[in-house]
Amino acid sequence: MADGAGKKASDLFIECLEEEGCEYIFGVPGEENLDFLDSLSRSKKIKLILTRHEQGAGFMAATYGRHTGKTGVCIATLGPGATNFVTAAAYATLGGMPMLMITGQKPIKKSKQGRFQILDVVSMMAPITKFTHQMASSDNIPSRLREAYRLAEEEKPGATHIELPEDIADEHTEAVPLKRSTVRRPTADVKSIRQAVDAIQSAKSPVLVIGAGANRTMTSKMLLEFIEKTGIPFITTQLGKGVIDERHPKFLGCAALSAGDFCHRAIESSDCIVNIGHDVIEKPPFFMRNEGLEGPGPTVIHMSTKTAEVDPVYFPHIEVIGDIANAVWQMKEVIEPSSAWKVDHMLAYRKAEIEHTAKLASDERFPIFPPHLVQQVRDAMPDNGIICLDNGVYKIWFARGYTACKPNTVLLDNALATMGAGLPSAMASAMVYPDRKVMAICGDGGFMMNSQEMETAVRLKLNITVLILNDNSYGMIRWKQANMGFEDWGLTYGNPDFVKYAESYGANGYRVESAAHLRELIAHCRDTPGVHLIDCPVDYSENDQILNKDIKALSKAL
């Protein structure tokens, strides 16, 4: 232990995390984290969640941040441990989830092992984080940690990173933790509110598009009040699902496809689009036209915490910048519903979509038809139940057809769109909300990328169901391959016996044998404590026909 007065630097680091309200640290510690681990062992406020891979730890920390708005924390060693955090860092930063990664490093003042395992992790993390810093002095721990938390949680939330070298962790210091500041987000300018309201009032067919940035505390309440007062219909992006209960009569659908869906036709028929919480990371649900070349398009109002990032298809006319919930409230207070507004044609698109989806969802073929699967999961899950989607073609089916009743009950990734996050995301959800029903929905490919975390889930005694959609292939890419007219090649593989695989971890495994059997299994797993895995064969043969052809033709005909 290093000489010096005061407390050990790793003890101070833990005290700073406690001051920030840290509850969990997810991760895989290594040799360079042992001082930190020793200090953590004495904490009465923070629990270590030991995972089987750093990527799983990062996904869990990010999901904790998504649910709570507080920074999720994860830890890894230097070198390969830190590189395994890269995908999770991008997942959090692109997806707007506050997360802090802590990585170890060899001593920086006196090397004992040459360059063994040493990478420039700070430079590596710089493009995919909001803040990255190597601790070179224990005296700076309180300020650097406070800054990492501040930036992780500030709009747009994302990942931050601190590297704690071995010799710095072992120093002694007189420094003390810093208190969190009390901060209120700035409110939108009154004149911009007036401009937006005037544009909406003078429109013939206004529509709201609810995006990722609107998925924040209080925004749901204010938006619902605005919609109830005005009667203006709304659609969501994938990351905006659930901000407003999708059973609402003014809901027009979720923009799960890139274009040509029923909800896209509704947007195209609007002359005033109010884009709330737009995030350029998502595929835009509409394209703006350059008025000079193509004539006037709809008026686009951008409501967000930050000004619009201009690109060739997005250059809004009016910007309302500030706290979104407050801005919506200000608009609600002054707007008056107009008798000139005509929205029935938009609602007709939604009615046609519901009728089309209902026919598909009633198909009880085996292997299971994706629209029927979506409906079965929706029927089984309570309103506040949480489904956590990995990445695959089923994500589109769930985004379109699964009715989200509450915020953050459909966790999908339409930002980085990484595979492997479904299971860890469900695990973190079950930890944050132990009294709610949680289901991970994964393709066989995505599940196998972090399937080892089944052991972690069993060890933590979590109550989750893992539904694996089994087609022995990378189905999303096969769908794209078919759509582009290429030969079906290079994307199929074999799988383990998933039932035995689950049982080998101490979980419960089941294999679906019919549509009726799937219904029974989902209900049984929902109502039985423990970790459950359901192996469900799926029939993706009609993906291309329905998603790329039928829907576009039907919506266009309207």
Protein backbone atom coordinates (compact mmCIF):
# COMPACT_ATOMS: atom_id res chain seq x y z
CA MET A 1 0.00 0.00 0.00
CA ALA A 2 1.30 3.45 -0.90
CA ASP A 3 2.45 5.81 1.84
CA GLY A 4 0.53 8.99 2.56
CA ALA A 5 -2.15 10.55 4.71
CA GLY A 6 -5.89 10.32 4.17
CA LYS A 7 -7.93 7.49 2.78
CA LYS A 8 -7.12 5.03 0.03
CA ALA A 9 -8.11 6.30 -3.41
CA SER A 10 -10.22 3.23 -4.23
CA ASP A 11 -12.16 3.78 -0.98
CA LEU A 12 -12.78 7.37 -2.04
CA PHE A 13 -13.93 6.20 -5.47
CA ILE A 14 -16.56 3.95 -3.85
CA GLU A 15 -17.67 6.79 -1.54
CA CYS A 16 -18.14 9.02 -4.59
CA LEU A 17 -20.26 6.34 -6.28
CA GLU A 18 -22.34 6.04 -3.11
CA GLU A 19 -22.81 9.82 -3.06
CA GLU A 20 -24.17 9.58 -6.61
CA GLY A 21 -26.73 6.97 -5.51
CA CYS A 22 -25.13 3.96 -7.22
CA GLU A 23 -26.97 0.73 -6.37
CA TYR A 24 -25.25 -1.85 -8.57
CA ILE A 25 -21.96 -2.34 -10.35
CA PHE A 26 -22.22 -4.89 -13.16
CA GLY A 27 -19.10 -6.49 -14.52
CA VAL A 28 -16.14 -8.81 -14.69
CA PRO A 29 -13.27 -7.51 -12.52
CA GLY A 30 -9.66 -8.32 -13.30
CA GLU A 31 -6.27 -8.09 -11.66
CA GLU A 32 -6.07 -4.32 -12.18
CA ASN A 33 -9.40 -3.81 -10.36
CA LEU A 34 -8.47 -5.61 -7.13
CA ASP A 35 -8.00 -2.47 -5.01
CA PHE A 36 -11.38 -1.22 -6.28
CA LEU A 37 -12.95 -4.63 -5.59
CA ASP A 38 -11.56 -4.68 -2.06
CA SER A 39 -13.05 -1.26 -1.38
CA LEU A 40 -16.38 -2.27 -2.94
CA SER A 41 -16.55 -5.33 -0.67
CA ARG A 42 -16.97 -2.99 2.31
CA SER A 43 -19.76 -0.89 0.78
CA LYS A 44 -23.15 -1.21 2.45
CA LYS A 45 -24.95 0.58 -0.40
CA ILE A 46 -23.58 -0.91 -3.64
CA LYS A 47 -23.97 -4.51 -4.78
CA LEU A 48 -21.59 -6.17 -7.24
CA ILE A 49 -23.39 -8.08 -10.00
CA LEU A 50 -20.80 -10.48 -11.39
CA THR A 51 -21.60 -11.31 -15.04
CA ARG A 52 -20.07 -13.81 -17.45
CA HIS A 53 -19.04 -11.30 -20.11
CA GLU A 54 -18.32 -7.56 -20.04
CA GLN A 55 -20.75 -6.93 -22.89
CA GLY A 56 -23.60 -8.40 -20.86
CA ALA A 57 -22.59 -6.18 -17.93
CA GLY A 58 -22.61 -3.11 -20.16
CA PHE A 59 -26.04 -3.93 -21.58
CA MET A 60 -27.40 -4.42 -18.05
CA ALA A 61 -25.95 -1.10 -16.85
CA ALA A 62 -27.36 0.74 -19.86
CA THR A 63 -30.81 -0.78 -19.35
CA TYR A 64 -30.71 0.19 -15.68
CA GLY A 65 -30.06 3.75 -16.87
CA ARG A 66 -32.88 3.58 -19.40
CA HIS A 67 -35.42 2.54 -16.77
CA THR A 68 -34.33 4.80 -13.92
CA GLY A 69 -32.78 7.85 -15.59
CA LYS A 70 -29.85 7.28 -13.20
CA THR A 71 -26.40 6.27 -14.38
CA GLY A 72 -25.86 2.53 -14.59
CA VAL A 73 -22.32 1.51 -13.62
CA CYS A 74 -20.19 -1.35 -14.96
CA ILE A 75 -16.60 -2.48 -14.46
CA ALA A 76 -13.98 -4.32 -16.50
CA THR A 77 -10.27 -4.86 -16.46
CA LEU A 78 -7.81 -3.36 -18.94
CA GLY A 79 -7.19 -4.54 -22.51
CA PRO A 80 -9.63 -7.27 -23.56
CA GLY A 81 -12.04 -6.40 -20.73
CA ALA A 82 -12.22 -2.80 -21.91
CA THR A 83 -12.57 -3.75 -25.58
CA ASN A 84 -15.53 -5.96 -24.66
CA PHE A 85 -17.28 -2.79 -23.41
CA VAL A 86 -17.14 -1.09 -26.80
CA THR A 87 -20.46 -2.41 -28.16
CA ALA A 88 -22.26 -1.65 -24.90
CA ALA A 89 -20.82 1.88 -24.90
CA ALA A 90 -22.14 2.50 -28.40
CA TYR A 91 -25.49 0.92 -27.40
CA ALA A 92 -25.86 3.37 -24.51
CA THR A 93 -24.62 6.48 -26.33
CA LEU A 94 -26.69 5.98 -29.47
CA GLY A 95 -29.72 4.79 -27.49
CA GLY A 96 -29.67 7.66 -24.98
CA MET A 97 -29.02 5.60 -21.83
CA PRO A 98 -26.87 6.98 -18.98
CA MET A 99 -24.00 4.65 -18.16
CA LEU A 100 -20.54 4.84 -16.57
CA MET A 101 -17.83 2.33 -17.46
CA ILE A 102 -14.90 1.89 -15.09
CA THR A 103 -11.86 0.08 -16.45
CA GLY A 104 -8.55 -0.82 -14.83
CA GLN A 105 -5.05 -0.17 -16.15
CA LYS A 106 -1.46 -1.08 -15.34
CA PRO A 107 0.47 1.37 -13.13
CA ILE A 108 1.08 4.57 -15.06
CA LYS A 109 3.97 5.91 -12.94
CA LYS A 110 6.19 2.84 -13.01
CA SER A 111 5.72 -0.02 -15.48
CA LYS A 112 6.44 -3.56 -14.31
CA GLN A 113 5.32 -5.56 -17.37
CA GLY A 114 6.24 -3.52 -20.43
CA ARG A 115 3.26 -3.05 -22.74
CA PHE A 116 1.51 -6.31 -21.81
CA GLN A 117 -2.28 -5.92 -22.34
CA ILE A 118 -1.96 -2.15 -22.58
CA LEU A 119 -4.18 -0.28 -25.04
CA ASP A 120 -4.99 3.42 -25.24
CA VAL A 121 -8.49 2.80 -23.90
CA VAL A 122 -9.28 6.49 -23.42
CA SER A 123 -8.66 7.21 -27.11
CA MET A 124 -10.61 4.09 -28.05
CA MET A 125 -13.63 5.24 -26.04
CA ALA A 126 -13.56 8.87 -27.16
CA PRO A 127 -15.71 8.52 -30.32
CA ILE A 128 -18.43 6.47 -28.60
CA THR A 129 -18.76 8.19 -25.22
CA LYS A 130 -19.69 11.63 -23.93
CA PHE A 131 -16.68 11.71 -21.60
CA THR A 132 -13.59 9.56 -21.12
CA HIS A 133 -10.73 10.17 -18.69
CA GLN A 134 -7.68 8.43 -17.22
CA MET A 135 -7.23 9.10 -13.52
CA ALA A 136 -3.68 10.40 -13.04
CA SER A 137 -4.19 11.72 -9.51
CA SER A 138 -6.35 10.43 -6.68
CA ASP A 139 -7.10 14.03 -5.65
CA ASN A 140 -9.16 14.44 -8.83
CA ILE A 141 -11.43 11.45 -8.29
CA PRO A 142 -14.40 13.43 -6.85
CA SER A 143 -14.50 16.03 -9.63
CA ARG A 144 -13.92 13.60 -12.49
CA LEU A 145 -16.54 11.17 -11.21
CA ARG A 146 -19.07 13.97 -10.69
CA GLU A 147 -18.40 15.15 -14.24
CA ALA A 148 -18.82 11.64 -15.64
CA TYR A 149 -22.20 11.32 -13.93
CA ARG A 150 -23.32 14.81 -14.98
CA LEU A 151 -22.58 14.20 -18.64
CA ALA A 152 -24.00 10.66 -18.63
CA GLU A 153 -27.37 11.98 -17.42
CA GLU A 154 -27.49 15.31 -19.26
CA GLU A 155 -29.54 15.38 -22.48
CA LYS A 156 -28.93 13.41 -24.61
CA PRO A 157 -27.93 10.75 -22.04
CA GLY A 158 -25.17 8.32 -22.94
CA ALA A 159 -22.05 6.45 -21.91
CA THR A 160 -19.07 7.87 -20.01
CA HIS A 161 -15.78 6.17 -19.07
CA ILE A 162 -13.14 6.45 -16.37
CA GLU A 163 -9.88 4.51 -16.36
CA LEU A 164 -8.51 3.84 -12.87
CA PRO A 165 -4.87 2.64 -12.99
CA GLU A 166 -3.58 0.28 -10.32
CA ASP A 167 -1.14 2.71 -8.74
CA ILE A 168 -3.68 5.57 -8.60
CA ALA A 169 -6.24 3.25 -6.92
CA ASP A 170 -3.61 2.49 -4.28
CA GLU A 171 -2.74 6.13 -3.52
CA HIS A 172 -3.93 8.00 -0.44
CA THR A 173 -5.75 11.32 -0.57
CA GLU A 174 -7.48 13.90 1.61
CA ALA A 175 -10.13 14.56 -1.07
CA VAL A 176 -13.83 14.04 -0.26
CA PRO A 177 -16.86 13.28 -2.47
CA LEU A 178 -18.73 16.13 -4.16
CA LYS A 179 -22.47 16.54 -3.68
CA ARG A 180 -24.77 16.28 -6.68
CA SER A 181 -26.07 19.63 -7.86
CA THR A 182 -29.73 20.49 -8.20
CA VAL A 183 -30.48 21.44 -11.79
CA ARG A 184 -33.57 22.23 -13.85
CA ARG A 185 -33.53 21.97 -17.61
CA PRO A 186 -34.09 25.33 -19.37
CA THR A 187 -37.64 26.01 -20.53
CA ALA A 188 -38.56 26.81 -24.11
CA ASP A 189 -38.83 30.45 -25.20
CA VAL A 190 -42.40 31.78 -25.09
CA LYS A 191 -42.14 33.23 -28.60
CA SER A 192 -41.17 29.85 -30.05
CA ILE A 193 -44.18 28.32 -28.29
CA ARG A 194 -46.41 30.96 -29.88
CA GLN A 195 -44.95 30.30 -33.34
CA ALA A 196 -45.56 26.57 -33.00
CA VAL A 197 -49.10 27.03 -31.73
CA ASP A 198 -49.94 29.45 -34.56
CA ALA A 199 -48.63 26.95 -37.13
CA ILE A 200 -50.68 24.12 -35.64
CA GLN A 201 -53.84 26.23 -35.35
CA SER A 202 -53.63 27.29 -39.00
CA ALA A 203 -53.04 23.71 -40.26
CA LYS A 204 -55.69 21.49 -41.82
CA SER A 205 -54.34 18.09 -40.73
CA PRO A 206 -51.74 18.30 -37.92
CA VAL A 207 -50.06 15.17 -36.59
CA LEU A 208 -47.66 14.45 -33.70
CA VAL A 209 -44.61 12.23 -34.20
CA ILE A 210 -43.28 11.03 -30.84
CA GLY A 211 -39.61 10.02 -30.83
CA ALA A 212 -36.87 8.77 -28.53
CA GLY A 213 -36.28 12.09 -26.75
CA ALA A 214 -39.90 12.21 -25.58
CA ASN A 215 -39.42 9.06 -23.51
CA ARG A 216 -38.71 10.97 -20.31
CA THR A 217 -40.36 11.53 -16.93
CA MET A 218 -43.43 13.81 -17.09
CA THR A 219 -43.45 14.02 -20.90
CA SER A 220 -46.02 11.20 -21.16
CA LYS A 221 -48.40 13.02 -18.83
CA MET A 222 -48.11 16.35 -20.62
CA LEU A 223 -48.43 14.81 -24.08
CA LEU A 224 -51.55 12.90 -23.07
CA GLU A 225 -53.13 16.10 -21.76
CA PHE A 226 -52.22 17.88 -25.00
CA ILE A 227 -53.72 15.11 -27.15
CA GLU A 228 -56.86 14.94 -25.00
CA LYS A 229 -57.42 18.70 -25.33
CA THR A 230 -56.66 19.00 -29.04
CA GLY A 231 -57.65 15.62 -30.50
CA ILE A 232 -54.56 15.70 -32.71
CA PRO A 233 -53.53 12.14 -33.68
CA PHE A 234 -50.04 10.76 -33.05
CA ILE A 235 -47.60 8.13 -34.26
CA THR A 236 -44.41 6.94 -32.61
CA THR A 237 -40.98 5.89 -33.71
CA GLN A 238 -39.72 2.58 -32.38
CA LEU A 239 -37.93 4.29 -29.47
CA GLY A 240 -41.06 6.35 -28.74
CA LYS A 241 -43.27 3.31 -28.20
CA GLY A 242 -45.31 3.47 -25.02
CA VAL A 243 -44.80 7.18 -24.28
CA ILE A 244 -48.58 7.35 -24.78
CA ASP A 245 -50.82 4.30 -24.28
CA GLU A 246 -51.23 2.86 -27.77
CA ARG A 247 -54.83 1.88 -27.04
CA HIS A 248 -55.63 5.60 -27.35
CA PRO A 249 -58.18 6.27 -30.13
CA LYS A 250 -55.88 8.86 -31.72
CA PHE A 251 -52.91 6.48 -32.07
CA LEU A 252 -51.90 6.02 -35.73
CA GLY A 253 -49.24 3.32 -35.35
CA CYS A 254 -45.51 2.86 -34.92
CA ALA A 255 -43.07 3.61 -37.73
CA ALA A 256 -41.36 0.22 -37.65
CA LEU A 257 -40.73 0.01 -41.37
CA SER A 258 -38.65 2.61 -43.18
CA ALA A 259 -41.48 3.71 -45.48
CA GLY A 260 -44.74 2.68 -47.12
CA ASP A 261 -46.61 1.50 -44.03
CA PHE A 262 -50.09 2.69 -43.10
CA CYS A 263 -48.72 5.20 -40.57
CA HIS A 264 -46.36 6.63 -43.18
CA ARG A 265 -49.35 7.34 -45.43
CA ALA A 266 -51.01 9.16 -42.54
CA ILE A 267 -47.94 11.38 -42.07
CA GLU A 268 -47.78 12.04 -45.81
CA SER A 269 -51.36 13.34 -45.69
CA SER A 270 -50.52 15.90 -42.98
CA ASP A 271 -49.70 19.54 -43.61
CA CYS A 272 -48.16 20.14 -40.15
CA ILE A 273 -45.87 17.62 -38.47
CA VAL A 274 -45.00 18.23 -34.81
CA ASN A 275 -41.83 16.21 -34.28
CA ILE A 276 -41.41 15.65 -30.54
CA GLY A 277 -38.09 14.33 -29.23
CA HIS A 278 -36.70 13.60 -32.69
CA ASP A 279 -33.36 11.78 -32.61
CA VAL A 280 -31.39 11.50 -35.86
CA ILE A 281 -30.13 8.09 -34.73
CA GLU A 282 -33.51 6.60 -35.70
CA LYS A 283 -34.58 6.17 -39.29
CA PRO A 284 -36.82 9.19 -39.96
CA PRO A 285 -40.53 8.33 -40.31
CA PHE A 286 -40.86 11.05 -42.95
CA PHE A 287 -38.64 12.91 -45.40
CA MET A 288 -38.86 16.66 -45.86
CA ARG A 289 -38.83 18.15 -49.35
CA ASN A 290 -36.75 21.09 -50.48
CA GLU A 291 -39.43 23.69 -51.19
CA GLY A 292 -37.34 25.45 -53.83
CA LEU A 293 -37.12 22.32 -55.94
CA GLU A 294 -40.30 20.42 -55.21
CA GLY A 295 -42.85 22.95 -54.01
CA PRO A 296 -44.09 23.47 -50.47
CA GLY A 297 -44.27 20.49 -48.14
CA PRO A 298 -45.78 20.26 -44.67
CA THR A 299 -44.70 22.64 -41.92
CA VAL A 300 -42.35 20.78 -39.59
CA ILE A 301 -42.04 21.79 -35.93
CA HIS A 302 -39.04 20.43 -34.02
CA MET A 303 -39.60 20.09 -30.24
CA SER A 304 -36.56 18.89 -28.34
CA THR A 305 -33.94 19.70 -25.74
CA LYS A 306 -31.50 20.55 -28.53
CA THR A 307 -31.70 22.25 -31.90
CA ALA A 308 -32.20 20.05 -34.94
CA GLU A 309 -29.25 18.40 -36.59
CA VAL A 310 -29.81 19.38 -40.21
CA ASP A 311 -29.45 16.80 -42.94
CA PRO A 312 -30.76 16.50 -46.52
CA VAL A 313 -34.16 15.18 -45.40
CA TYR A 314 -34.64 17.06 -42.12
CA PHE A 315 -34.53 20.85 -41.83
CA PRO A 316 -37.48 21.96 -39.65
CA HIS A 317 -39.20 25.32 -40.05
CA ILE A 318 -39.92 26.04 -36.37
CA GLU A 319 -37.83 24.88 -33.40
CA VAL A 320 -39.04 24.78 -29.81
CA ILE A 321 -35.97 24.10 -27.68
CA GLY A 322 -36.04 23.30 -23.96
CA ASP A 323 -37.54 20.82 -21.54
CA ILE A 324 -40.02 18.88 -23.71
CA ALA A 325 -42.61 18.23 -21.01
CA ASN A 326 -42.70 21.91 -20.08
CA ALA A 327 -42.91 22.98 -23.73
CA VAL A 328 -45.85 20.64 -24.36
CA TRP A 329 -47.55 22.02 -21.24
CA GLN A 330 -47.01 25.61 -22.41
CA MET A 331 -48.53 24.76 -25.80
CA LYS A 332 -51.48 22.98 -24.20
CA GLU A 333 -52.28 26.04 -22.09
CA VAL A 334 -52.65 28.38 -25.10
CA ILE A 335 -53.80 26.17 -27.99
CA GLU A 336 -57.44 25.98 -28.96
CA PRO A 337 -58.82 23.04 -30.95
CA SER A 338 -59.78 24.11 -34.46
CA SER A 339 -62.95 23.08 -36.28
CA ALA A 340 -60.91 23.27 -39.49
CA TRP A 341 -58.74 20.32 -38.49
CA LYS A 342 -59.52 17.17 -40.49
CA VAL A 343 -57.97 13.96 -39.16
CA ASP A 344 -60.50 11.26 -40.08
CA HIS A 345 -58.49 10.25 -43.16
CA MET A 346 -55.47 9.58 -40.90
CA LEU A 347 -57.53 7.47 -38.54
CA ALA A 348 -58.79 5.50 -41.55
CA TYR A 349 -55.22 4.38 -42.23
CA ARG A 350 -54.96 3.11 -38.67
CA LYS A 351 -58.28 1.27 -38.97
CA ALA A 352 -57.05 -0.46 -42.13
CA GLU A 353 -53.81 -1.46 -40.41
CA ILE A 354 -55.67 -2.96 -37.45
CA GLU A 355 -57.91 -4.99 -39.76
CA HIS A 356 -54.94 -6.25 -41.77
CA THR A 357 -52.95 -7.17 -38.64
CA ALA A 358 -55.93 -8.96 -37.06
CA LYS A 359 -56.20 -11.32 -40.04
CA LEU A 360 -52.51 -12.17 -39.83
CA ALA A 361 -52.57 -12.58 -36.05
CA SER A 362 -55.34 -15.18 -36.24
CA ASP A 363 -53.15 -17.56 -38.28
CA GLU A 364 -52.34 -20.48 -35.93
CA ARG A 365 -49.95 -22.34 -38.23
CA PHE A 366 -46.93 -24.22 -36.92
CA PRO A 367 -44.05 -23.31 -36.91
CA ILE A 368 -45.43 -20.14 -35.38
CA PHE A 369 -46.38 -17.21 -37.65
CA PRO A 370 -44.74 -13.98 -36.34
CA PRO A 371 -47.95 -11.84 -36.20
CA HIS A 372 -49.67 -14.60 -34.21
CA LEU A 373 -46.69 -14.80 -31.87
CA VAL A 374 -46.86 -11.05 -31.24
CA GLN A 375 -50.54 -11.28 -30.37
CA GLN A 376 -50.01 -14.22 -28.04
CA VAL A 377 -47.31 -12.36 -26.12
CA ARG A 378 -49.49 -9.24 -25.91
CA ASP A 379 -52.47 -11.25 -24.66
CA ALA A 380 -50.34 -12.89 -21.96
CA MET A 381 -48.43 -9.87 -20.64
CA PRO A 382 -50.00 -7.42 -18.17
CA ASP A 383 -50.14 -3.73 -19.08
CA ASN A 384 -46.98 -3.00 -17.08
CA GLY A 385 -45.16 -6.15 -18.22
CA ILE A 386 -41.82 -5.54 -19.93
CA ILE A 387 -40.65 -7.19 -23.14
CA CYS A 388 -36.99 -6.82 -24.10
CA LEU A 389 -36.29 -7.42 -27.76
CA ASP A 390 -32.98 -8.50 -29.15
CA ASN A 391 -32.30 -7.48 -32.74
CA GLY A 392 -33.84 -9.33 -35.67
CA VAL A 393 -36.74 -9.24 -38.10
CA TYR A 394 -39.17 -10.04 -35.25
CA LYS A 395 -38.38 -6.56 -33.88
CA ILE A 396 -40.35 -5.09 -36.79
CA TRP A 397 -43.31 -7.37 -36.14
CA PHE A 398 -43.35 -6.42 -32.44
CA ALA A 399 -42.86 -2.69 -33.10
CA ARG A 400 -45.82 -2.73 -35.51
CA GLY A 401 -48.17 -5.13 -33.75
CA TYR A 402 -47.45 -5.14 -30.01
CA THR A 403 -49.60 -2.59 -28.20
CA ALA A 404 -47.45 -0.72 -25.66
CA CYS A 405 -49.53 0.51 -22.73
CA LYS A 406 -46.85 2.23 -20.64
CA PRO A 407 -43.43 3.85 -21.16
CA ASN A 408 -40.40 1.54 -21.27
CA THR A 409 -42.47 -1.63 -21.48
CA VAL A 410 -41.16 -2.40 -24.97
CA LEU A 411 -37.37 -2.20 -24.84
CA LEU A 412 -35.94 -2.41 -28.31
CA ASP A 413 -32.84 -0.95 -29.86
CA ASN A 414 -33.48 1.17 -32.93
CA ALA A 415 -30.22 3.10 -32.53
CA LEU A 416 -27.19 0.82 -32.61
CA ALA A 417 -29.55 -2.13 -33.30
CA THR A 418 -27.07 -4.59 -31.82
CA MET A 419 -27.65 -8.28 -31.34
CA GLY A 420 -27.01 -9.81 -27.93
CA ALA A 421 -28.73 -7.21 -25.73
CA GLY A 422 -32.13 -8.89 -25.26
CA LEU A 423 -31.27 -11.25 -22.39
CA PRO A 424 -29.10 -8.80 -20.36
CA SER A 425 -31.73 -6.08 -20.87
CA ALA A 426 -34.43 -8.37 -19.46
CA MET A 427 -32.22 -9.26 -16.51
CA ALA A 428 -31.68 -5.60 -15.59
CA SER A 429 -35.42 -4.94 -16.02
CA ALA A 430 -36.24 -7.76 -13.59
CA MET A 431 -33.80 -6.27 -11.08
CA VAL A 432 -35.23 -2.75 -11.32
CA TYR A 433 -38.84 -4.01 -11.27
CA PRO A 434 -38.89 -7.33 -9.37
CA ASP A 435 -42.70 -7.28 -9.11
CA ARG A 436 -43.34 -6.93 -12.85
CA LYS A 437 -43.45 -9.64 -15.51
CA VAL A 438 -40.39 -9.55 -17.78
CA MET A 439 -39.75 -11.40 -21.03
CA ALA A 440 -36.69 -11.42 -23.28
CA ILE A 441 -37.56 -12.06 -26.92
CA CYS A 442 -34.51 -13.16 -28.89
CA GLY A 443 -33.67 -14.71 -32.20
CA ASP A 444 -31.52 -17.80 -31.95
CA GLY A 445 -28.56 -15.79 -33.31
CA GLY A 446 -28.88 -12.90 -30.87
CA PHE A 447 -29.52 -15.18 -27.89
CA MET A 448 -26.32 -17.14 -28.48
CA MET A 449 -24.25 -13.94 -28.44
CA ASN A 450 -24.79 -13.54 -24.68
CA SER A 451 -26.46 -16.83 -23.72
CA GLN A 452 -23.89 -17.37 -20.96
CA GLU A 453 -25.74 -14.77 -18.88
CA MET A 454 -28.39 -17.45 -18.23
CA GLU A 455 -26.08 -18.56 -15.42
CA THR A 456 -26.07 -15.02 -14.01
CA ALA A 457 -29.88 -14.87 -14.15
CA VAL A 458 -30.20 -18.19 -12.33
CA ARG A 459 -27.59 -17.18 -9.74
CA LEU A 460 -29.43 -13.90 -9.07
CA LYS A 461 -32.74 -15.82 -8.74
CA LEU A 462 -34.42 -13.55 -11.29
CA ASN A 463 -37.93 -14.12 -12.59
CA ILE A 464 -37.73 -13.89 -16.37
CA THR A 465 -38.90 -15.75 -19.45
CA VAL A 466 -36.57 -16.03 -22.46
CA LEU A 467 -38.52 -16.65 -25.66
CA ILE A 468 -36.21 -17.82 -28.47
CA LEU A 469 -37.54 -17.49 -32.02
CA ASN A 470 -35.75 -20.35 -33.70
CA ASP A 471 -35.20 -20.42 -37.47
CA ASN A 472 -31.58 -21.69 -37.51
CA SER A 473 -30.41 -18.58 -39.36
CA TYR A 474 -29.73 -14.87 -39.25
CA GLY A 475 -33.31 -14.18 -40.30
CA MET A 476 -33.19 -10.40 -40.66
CA ILE A 477 -30.37 -10.58 -43.18
CA ARG A 478 -32.06 -13.44 -45.05
CA TRP A 479 -35.14 -11.23 -45.36
CA LYS A 480 -33.03 -8.40 -46.78
CA GLN A 481 -31.22 -10.89 -49.03
CA ALA A 482 -34.54 -12.09 -50.48
CA ASN A 483 -35.80 -8.53 -50.91
CA MET A 484 -32.70 -7.62 -52.91
CA GLY A 485 -33.18 -10.60 -55.19
CA PHE A 486 -30.07 -12.47 -54.08
CA GLU A 487 -29.78 -16.22 -53.68
CA ASP A 488 -30.50 -17.55 -50.17
CA TRP A 489 -26.93 -18.28 -49.13
CA GLY A 490 -24.44 -17.99 -46.27
CA LEU A 491 -26.76 -17.23 -43.34
CA THR A 492 -27.90 -20.58 -41.89
CA TYR A 493 -26.41 -22.60 -39.03
CA GLY A 494 -27.24 -25.26 -36.45
CA ASN A 495 -28.34 -24.66 -32.86
CA PRO A 496 -27.86 -26.51 -29.58
CA ASP A 497 -30.80 -28.21 -27.93
CA PHE A 498 -32.05 -25.07 -26.20
CA VAL A 499 -34.14 -27.02 -23.68
CA LYS A 500 -31.11 -28.99 -22.47
CA TYR A 501 -29.01 -25.85 -22.68
CA ALA A 502 -31.37 -24.01 -20.29
CA GLU A 503 -31.49 -26.97 -17.94
CA SER A 504 -27.70 -27.18 -17.81
CA TYR A 505 -27.71 -23.72 -16.22
CA GLY A 506 -30.42 -24.68 -13.73
CA ALA A 507 -33.16 -22.90 -15.68
CA ASN A 508 -36.39 -24.43 -16.98
CA GLY A 509 -36.54 -25.32 -20.68
CA TYR A 510 -39.57 -25.89 -22.91
CA ARG A 511 -40.12 -26.54 -26.63
CA VAL A 512 -43.21 -25.26 -28.43
CA GLU A 513 -45.19 -27.90 -30.32
CA SER A 514 -48.20 -25.89 -31.55
CA ALA A 515 -49.81 -22.45 -31.35
CA ALA A 516 -52.03 -23.65 -28.50
CA HIS A 517 -48.99 -25.06 -26.70
CA LEU A 518 -47.19 -21.70 -27.02
CA ARG A 519 -50.13 -20.02 -25.31
CA GLU A 520 -49.95 -22.52 -22.44
CA LEU A 521 -46.19 -22.18 -22.06
CA ILE A 522 -46.19 -18.37 -21.98
CA ALA A 523 -48.89 -18.36 -19.29
CA HIS A 524 -47.07 -21.04 -17.24
CA CYS A 525 -43.72 -19.23 -17.38
CA ARG A 526 -45.34 -15.87 -16.60
CA ASP A 527 -46.96 -17.25 -13.45
CA THR A 528 -44.09 -19.46 -12.24
CA PRO A 529 -41.07 -17.91 -10.47
CA GLY A 530 -37.61 -18.56 -11.85
CA VAL A 531 -35.72 -18.43 -15.13
CA HIS A 532 -37.56 -20.01 -18.08
CA LEU A 533 -36.53 -20.58 -21.69
CA ILE A 534 -39.03 -21.32 -24.46
CA ASP A 535 -37.69 -22.67 -27.77
CA CYS A 536 -40.22 -21.53 -30.37
CA PRO A 537 -39.86 -22.51 -34.05
CA VAL A 538 -40.98 -19.65 -36.32
CA ASP A 539 -42.10 -19.43 -39.92
CA TYR A 540 -40.49 -16.41 -41.57
CA SER A 541 -41.34 -17.50 -45.12
CA GLU A 542 -43.78 -14.63 -45.73
CA ASN A 543 -41.69 -11.79 -44.27
CA ASP A 544 -40.73 -10.35 -47.64
CA GLN A 545 -44.20 -10.68 -49.16
CA ILE A 546 -46.03 -9.05 -46.25
CA LEU A 547 -43.57 -6.41 -45.06
CA ASN A 548 -42.15 -5.32 -48.40
CA LYS A 549 -45.08 -5.84 -50.76
CA ASP A 550 -48.53 -6.40 -49.26
CA ILE A 551 -48.45 -3.61 -46.68
CA LYS A 552 -47.12 -1.05 -49.13
CA ALA A 553 -49.70 -1.99 -51.76
CA LEU A 554 -52.63 -1.97 -49.32
CA SER A 555 -51.69 1.36 -47.75
CA LYS A 556 -51.10 2.96 -51.13
CA ALA A 557 -54.51 1.80 -52.37
CA LEU A 558 -56.16 3.77 -49.56
